[in-house]
C-alpha atoms as a PDB file:
ATOM      1  CA  MET A   1      12.709  99.665 145.521  1.00  0.00           C
ATOM      2  CA  LEU A   2      11.508 101.807 142.367  1.00  0.00           C
ATOM      3  CA  ASP A   3      10.150 104.461 144.320  1.00  0.00           C
ATOM      4  CA  LEU A   4      14.718 104.454 145.914  1.00  0.00           C
ATOM      5  CA  ILE A   5      16.044 104.395 142.919  1.00  0.00           C
ATOM      6  CA  ALA A   6      13.790 107.307 141.651  1.00  0.00           C
ATOM      7  CA  SER A   7      14.295 109.294 144.639  1.00  0.00           C
ATOM      8  CA  LYS A   8      15.518 112.857 145.332  1.00  0.00           C
ATOM      9  CA  GLY A   9      19.465 111.991 145.181  1.00  0.00           C
ATOM     10  CA  THR A  10      19.799 108.409 145.175  1.00  0.00           C
ATOM     11  CA  LYS A  11      21.093 108.385 141.238  1.00  0.00           C
ATOM     12  CA  GLU A  12      24.228 110.648 142.376  1.00  0.00           C
ATOM     13  CA  LEU A  13      24.817 109.014 145.362  1.00  0.00           C
ATOM     14  CA  LEU A  14      25.569 105.794 143.903  1.00  0.00           C
ATOM     15  CA  GLU A  15      27.436 107.677 140.583  1.00  0.00           C
ATOM     16  CA  TYR A  16      29.487 109.335 143.049  1.00  0.00           C
ATOM     17  CA  ILE A  17      29.782 106.004 145.213  1.00  0.00           C
ATOM     18  CA  ARG A  18      31.297 104.901 141.235  1.00  0.00           C
ATOM     19  CA  ASP A  19      33.448 107.099 140.439  1.00  0.00           C
ATOM     20  CA  HIS A  20      35.491 108.525 143.661  1.00  0.00           C
ATOM     21  CA  PRO A  21      38.003 106.130 144.995  1.00  0.00           C
ATOM     22  CA  LYS A  22      36.844 103.639 147.778  1.00  0.00           C
ATOM     23  CA  GLU A  23      39.642 106.563 150.679  1.00  0.00           C
ATOM     24  CA  GLU A  24      37.023 109.599 149.308  1.00  0.00           C
ATOM     25  CA  ASN A  25      33.607 107.772 149.806  1.00  0.00           C
ATOM     26  CA  THR A  26      32.719 108.381 153.906  1.00  0.00           C
ATOM     27  CA  SER A  27      28.937 109.001 154.728  1.00  0.00           C
ATOM     28  CA  VAL A  28      31.528 112.645 156.340  1.00  0.00           C
ATOM     29  CA  SER A  29      33.361 113.482 152.758  1.00  0.00           C
ATOM     30  CA  ILE A  30      29.928 112.252 150.257  1.00  0.00           C
ATOM     31  CA  ASN A  31      28.120 114.481 152.935  1.00  0.00           C
ATOM     32  CA  ALA A  32      30.192 117.227 152.202  1.00  0.00           C
ATOM     33  CA  TYR A  33      29.761 117.039 148.898  1.00  0.00           C
ATOM     34  CA  PHE A  34      26.506 116.964 148.343  1.00  0.00           C
ATOM     35  CA  THR A  35      25.922 119.785 150.955  1.00  0.00           C
ATOM     36  CA  LYS A  36      28.391 122.138 149.147  1.00  0.00           C
ATOM     37  CA  ASP A  37      29.769 121.439 145.937  1.00  0.00           C
ATOM     38  CA  ALA A  38      27.389 118.931 144.078  1.00  0.00           C
ATOM     39  CA  SER A  39      25.529 120.468 141.352  1.00  0.00           C
ATOM     40  CA  ILE A  40      22.298 119.038 142.794  1.00  0.00           C
ATOM     41  CA  GLN A  41      21.840 120.113 146.986  1.00  0.00           C
ATOM     42  CA  LEU A  42      20.642 117.580 149.381  1.00  0.00           C
ATOM     43  CA  THR A  43      20.713 118.235 153.106  1.00  0.00           C
ATOM     44  CA  THR A  44      22.541 116.500 155.123  1.00  0.00           C
ATOM     45  CA  ALA A  45      19.207 114.706 156.931  1.00  0.00           C
ATOM     46  CA  THR A  46      18.959 113.502 153.119  1.00  0.00           C
ATOM     47  CA  VAL A  47      22.458 112.336 152.816  1.00  0.00           C
ATOM     48  CA  TYR A  48      22.278 109.524 156.006  1.00  0.00           C
ATOM     49  CA  ARG A  49      18.522 108.459 155.044  1.00  0.00           C
ATOM     50  CA  ARG A  50      19.621 107.720 151.530  1.00  0.00           C
ATOM     51  CA  LEU A  51      22.492 106.753 152.605  1.00  0.00           C
ATOM     52  CA  LYS A  52      21.142 104.360 155.124  1.00  0.00           C
ATOM     53  CA  GLU A  53      17.992 103.445 152.539  1.00  0.00           C
ATOM     54  CA  LEU A  54      20.542 102.195 149.936  1.00  0.00           C
ATOM     55  CA  GLU A  55      22.952 100.619 152.486  1.00  0.00           C
ATOM     56  CA  LEU A  56      19.132  98.437 154.043  1.00  0.00           C
ATOM     57  CA  ALA A  57      18.469  97.748 150.082  1.00  0.00           C
ATOM     58  CA  GLY A  58      21.881  95.852 149.544  1.00  0.00           C
ATOM     59  CA  LEU A  59      22.888  98.707 146.625  1.00  0.00           C
ATOM     60  CA  ILE A  60      25.481  99.755 148.802  1.00  0.00           C
ATOM     61  CA  ILE A  61      27.583  97.698 151.401  1.00  0.00           C
ATOM     62  CA  ARG A  62      30.108  99.396 154.749  1.00  0.00           C
ATOM     63  CA  ASP A  63      34.099  98.030 153.386  1.00  0.00           C
ATOM     64  CA  PRO A  64      35.421  97.288 155.916  1.00  0.00           C
ATOM     65  CA  PRO A  65      31.843  96.141 158.132  1.00  0.00           C
ATOM     66  CA  ASP A  66      32.710  98.155 161.172  1.00  0.00           C
ATOM     67  CA  SER A  67      33.270 101.339 158.890  1.00  0.00           C
ATOM     68  CA  ASN A  68      32.198 103.945 157.597  1.00  0.00           C
ATOM     69  CA  THR A  69      33.372 103.462 153.978  1.00  0.00           C
ATOM     70  CA  PHE A  70      30.648 102.444 151.032  1.00  0.00           C
ATOM     71  CA  ILE A  71      31.467 100.910 147.971  1.00  0.00           C
ATOM     72  CA  LEU A  72      28.444  99.255 145.395  1.00  0.00           C
ATOM     73  CA  THR A  73      27.383  95.880 145.331  1.00  0.00           C
ATOM     74  CA  PRO A  74      27.428  94.098 141.623  1.00  0.00           C
ATOM     75  CA  GLN A  75      23.742  94.650 142.205  1.00  0.00           C
ATOM     76  CA  ALA A  76      23.989  98.406 142.097  1.00  0.00           C
ATOM     77  CA  ALA A  77      26.621  98.546 138.871  1.00  0.00           C
ATOM     78  CA  ASP A  78      24.334  97.325 137.022  1.00  0.00           C
ATOM     79  CA  LEU A  79      21.709  99.071 138.201  1.00  0.00           C
ATOM     80  CA  LEU A  80      23.619 101.835 136.760  1.00  0.00           C
ATOM     81  CA  ASP A  81      24.963 100.879 134.241  1.00  0.00           C
ATOM     82  CA  ASN A  82      22.021  99.370 132.351  1.00  0.00           C
ATOM     83  CA  GLN A  83      19.322 100.712 133.319  1.00  0.00           C
ATOM     84  CA  ILE A  84      19.208 103.992 134.405  1.00  0.00           C
ATOM     85  CA  LEU A  85      21.658 104.916 132.123  1.00  0.00           C
ATOM     86  CA  ARG A  86      19.811 103.604 128.969  1.00  0.00           C
ATOM     87  CA  HIS A  87      16.461 104.327 130.335  1.00  0.00           C
ATOM     88  CA  PRO A  88      16.282 107.463 132.291  1.00  0.00           C
ATOM     89  CA  GLU A  89      12.471 107.635 131.774  1.00  0.00           C
ATOM     90  CA  ILE A  90      12.865 105.359 134.924  1.00  0.00           C
ATOM     91  CA  THR A  91      13.674 107.092 137.362  1.00  0.00           C
ATOM     92  CA  GLU A  92      11.254 110.290 136.053  1.00  0.00           C
ATOM     93  CA  LEU A  93       8.522 108.374 136.374  1.00  0.00           C
ATOM     94  CA  GLY A  94       6.329 108.882 140.408  1.00  0.00           C
ATOM     95  CA  ARG A  95       3.998 105.998 141.436  1.00  0.00           C
ATOM     96  CA  ALA A  96       1.397 107.555 139.397  1.00  0.00           C
ATOM     97  CA  HIS A  97       2.645 107.944 136.412  1.00  0.00           C
ATOM     98  CA  ARG A  98       3.976 103.964 136.152  1.00  0.00           C
ATOM     99  CA  ALA A  99       0.505 102.887 137.900  1.00  0.00           C
ATOM    100  CA  LEU A 100      -0.768 104.778 134.486  1.00  0.00           C
ATOM    101  CA  LEU A 101       1.713 102.889 132.448  1.00  0.00           C
ATOM    102  CA  ARG A 102       0.278  99.833 133.882  1.00  0.00           C
ATOM    103  CA  GLN A 103      -3.165 100.216 133.420  1.00  0.00           C
ATOM    104  CA  ILE A 104      -2.255 101.379 129.765  1.00  0.00           C
ATOM    105  CA  LYS A 105      -0.231  97.883 129.265  1.00  0.00           C
ATOM    106  CA  GLN A 106      -3.160  95.867 130.614  1.00  0.00           C
ATOM    107  CA  SER A 107      -5.945  97.627 128.799  1.00  0.00           C
ATOM    108  CA  GLU A 108      -4.382  99.217 125.812  1.00  0.00           C
ATOM    109  CA  GLY A 109      -7.183 101.018 123.362  1.00  0.00           C
ATOM    110  CA  ALA A 110      -9.143 101.824 126.653  1.00  0.00           C
ATOM    111  CA  LYS A 111     -10.607 105.116 126.871  1.00  0.00           C
ATOM    112  CA  VAL A 112      -9.331 108.483 129.125  1.00  0.00           C
ATOM    113  CA  VAL A 113     -12.924 107.487 131.317  1.00  0.00           C
ATOM    114  CA  GLU A 114     -11.877 104.197 131.274  1.00  0.00           C
ATOM    115  CA  LEU A 115      -8.775 104.376 132.274  1.00  0.00           C
ATOM    116  CA  GLN A 116     -10.042 107.005 135.027  1.00  0.00           C
ATOM    117  CA  GLU A 117     -12.158 104.282 136.206  1.00  0.00           C
ATOM    118  CA  ILE A 118      -9.057 101.344 136.217  1.00  0.00           C
ATOM    119  CA  ALA A 119      -6.789 103.179 137.650  1.00  0.00           C
ATOM    120  CA  GLN A 120      -8.999 105.091 139.965  1.00  0.00           C
ATOM    121  CA  MET A 121      -7.348 108.336 139.384  1.00  0.00           C
ATOM    122  CA  SER A 122      -8.757 112.181 139.157  1.00  0.00           C
ATOM    123  CA  PRO A 123      -9.012 113.614 135.979  1.00  0.00           C
ATOM    124  CA  THR A 124      -6.463 115.517 136.038  1.00  0.00           C
ATOM    125  CA  THR A 125      -4.210 112.898 137.123  1.00  0.00           C
ATOM    126  CA  ILE A 126      -5.287 111.318 134.717  1.00  0.00           C
ATOM    127  CA  ASN A 127      -4.465 113.607 131.880  1.00  0.00           C
ATOM    128  CA  VAL A 128      -1.263 115.681 132.942  1.00  0.00           C
ATOM    129  CA  GLY A 129      -0.148 111.923 133.147  1.00  0.00           C
ATOM    130  CA  LEU A 130      -0.959 110.809 130.016  1.00  0.00           C
ATOM    131  CA  GLN A 131       0.767 114.549 128.889  1.00  0.00           C
ATOM    132  CA  LYS A 132       4.360 113.535 130.642  1.00  0.00           C
ATOM    133  CA  LEU A 133       4.074 109.708 128.851  1.00  0.00           C
ATOM    134  CA  SER A 134       3.474 111.089 126.159  1.00  0.00           C
ATOM    135  CA  ASN A 135       6.397 113.930 125.554  1.00  0.00           C
ATOM    136  CA  LEU A 136       8.454 111.074 127.057  1.00  0.00           C
ATOM    137  CA  GLY A 137       7.920 109.458 123.703  1.00  0.00           C
ATOM    138  CA  LEU A 138       6.327 106.256 126.009  1.00  0.00           C
ATOM    139  CA  ILE A 139       2.868 106.361 124.449  1.00  0.00           C
ATOM    140  CA  GLU A 140       1.636 107.303 121.723  1.00  0.00           C
ATOM    141  CA  GLN A 141      -2.522 107.948 120.784  1.00  0.00           C
ATOM    142  CA  ILE A 142      -4.431 105.457 118.548  1.00  0.00           C
ATOM    143  CA  LYS A 143      -5.568 107.544 115.471  1.00  0.00           C
ATOM    144  CA  ASN A 144      -7.175 104.302 113.438  1.00  0.00           C
ATOM    145  CA  HIS A 145      -8.862 102.276 116.548  1.00  0.00           C
ATOM    146  CA  ILE A 146     -11.016  99.542 115.812  1.00  0.00           C
ATOM    147  CA  PRO A 147     -13.397  99.766 118.558  1.00  0.00           C
ATOM    148  CA  ARG A 148     -14.918  96.521 119.592  1.00  0.00           C
ATOM    149  CA  PRO A 149     -17.990  94.602 119.182  1.00  0.00           C
ATOM    150  CA  SER A 150     -19.757  96.322 122.996  1.00  0.00           C
ATOM    151  CA  GLU A 151     -18.310 100.173 122.271  1.00  0.00           C
ATOM    152  CA  GLN A 152     -20.433 100.119 118.812  1.00  0.00           C
ATOM    153  CA  PRO A 153     -21.974 103.297 118.298  1.00  0.00           C
ATOM    154  CA  LYS A 154     -26.158 101.511 117.729  1.00  0.00           C
ATOM    155  CA  LEU A 155     -26.874 104.262 115.298  1.00  0.00           C
ATOM    156  CA  SER A 156     -30.108 104.507 113.395  1.00  0.00           C
ATOM    157  CA  LYS A 157     -30.768 104.020 109.404  1.00  0.00           C
ATOM    158  CA  LYS A 158     -30.504 107.821 108.597  1.00  0.00           C
ATOM    159  CA  LYS A 159     -26.578 107.918 110.241  1.00  0.00           C
ATOM    160  CA  LYS A 160     -24.261 106.292 109.454  1.00  0.00           C
ATOM    161  CA  THR A 161     -21.703 108.189 111.304  1.00  0.00           C
ATOM    162  CA  LYS A 162     -21.210 108.565 115.630  1.00  0.00           C
ATOM    163  CA  PRO A 163     -21.765 112.865 116.753  1.00  0.00           C
ATOM    164  CA  GLY A 164     -19.106 114.745 118.807  1.00  0.00           C
ATOM    165  CA  ARG A 165     -15.315 113.617 119.037  1.00  0.00           C
ATOM    166  CA  PRO A 166     -13.615 110.272 119.214  1.00  0.00           C
ATOM    167  CA  ALA A 167     -12.746 108.939 122.345  1.00  0.00           C
ATOM    168  CA  LYS A 168      -9.140 109.210 123.055  1.00  0.00           C
ATOM    169  CA  ARG A 169      -6.675 106.314 123.062  1.00  0.00           C
ATOM    170  CA  HIS A 170      -3.201 105.632 123.871  1.00  0.00           C
ATOM    171  CA  ARG A 171      -0.600 102.576 123.980  1.00  0.00           C
ATOM    172  CA  LEU A 172       2.281 101.769 124.060  1.00  0.00           C
ATOM    173  CA  THR A 173       5.215 102.544 122.128  1.00  0.00           C
ATOM    174  CA  LYS A 174       8.389 100.023 121.580  1.00  0.00           C
ATOM    175  CA  LYS A 175      10.420 102.842 124.344  1.00  0.00           C
ATOM    176  CA  GLY A 176       7.097 102.928 126.481  1.00  0.00           C
ATOM    177  CA  LYS A 177       7.441  98.832 125.907  1.00  0.00           C
ATOM    178  CA  GLU A 178      11.257  98.676 126.837  1.00  0.00           C
ATOM    179  CA  VAL A 179      10.770 100.748 130.149  1.00  0.00           C
ATOM    180  CA  TYR A 180       7.390  99.156 130.915  1.00  0.00           C
ATOM    181  CA  GLU A 181       9.626  95.574 131.241  1.00  0.00           C
ATOM    182  CA  GLN A 182      12.824  97.496 132.935  1.00  0.00           C
ATOM    183  CA  GLN A 183      10.960  98.655 135.850  1.00  0.00           C
ATOM    184  CA  GLN A 184       8.652  95.366 136.215  1.00  0.00           C
ATOM    185  CA  LYS A 185      12.034  93.881 137.437  1.00  0.00           C
ATOM    186  CA  LEU A 186      12.779  96.618 138.996  1.00  0.00           C
ATOM    187  CA  GLU A 187       9.729  96.138 141.583  1.00  0.00           C
ATOM    188  CA  LYS A 188      11.001  92.452 141.400  1.00  0.00           C
ATOM    189  CA  LYS A 189      13.346  92.672 142.811  1.00  0.00           C
END
């Protein structure tokens, strides 16, 4: 369900159906609006594909059943009112970024190298994902990380510090935890 909500045009289609009278919510009028007048331009194939996907997901229904007129289900209305509008970050995150957010939640304080091993993503995907999540305010870098016992460096008696830069570690912010919980609810649906 989360991939459908994050797909191009889904949010706009749901908002159009919600904001317009029932008589204007036919597949032909929706297509005409999104191929010509809307701020987001969609192709005819995309409009009809999204309508079919939304109908199969149970977010819109035909009213009456054999017509081409669509209305929102209560689930879709709740989705628009509570989750998408309150946290638009949900629709901005792609599958890889959501997976990275999940990994940061599960292994808080892990090094970037450990995240690469756990999530099995390329270093570029990890770095771009960390930057995007950070820009959205969903994660923060841990400044004073207390290392795990297995991470304690074995230092000589002469050297009291480990050479080099400290490893970057990240954790979810309060906003990140809220978005993560909303994503978990949507993935279960």
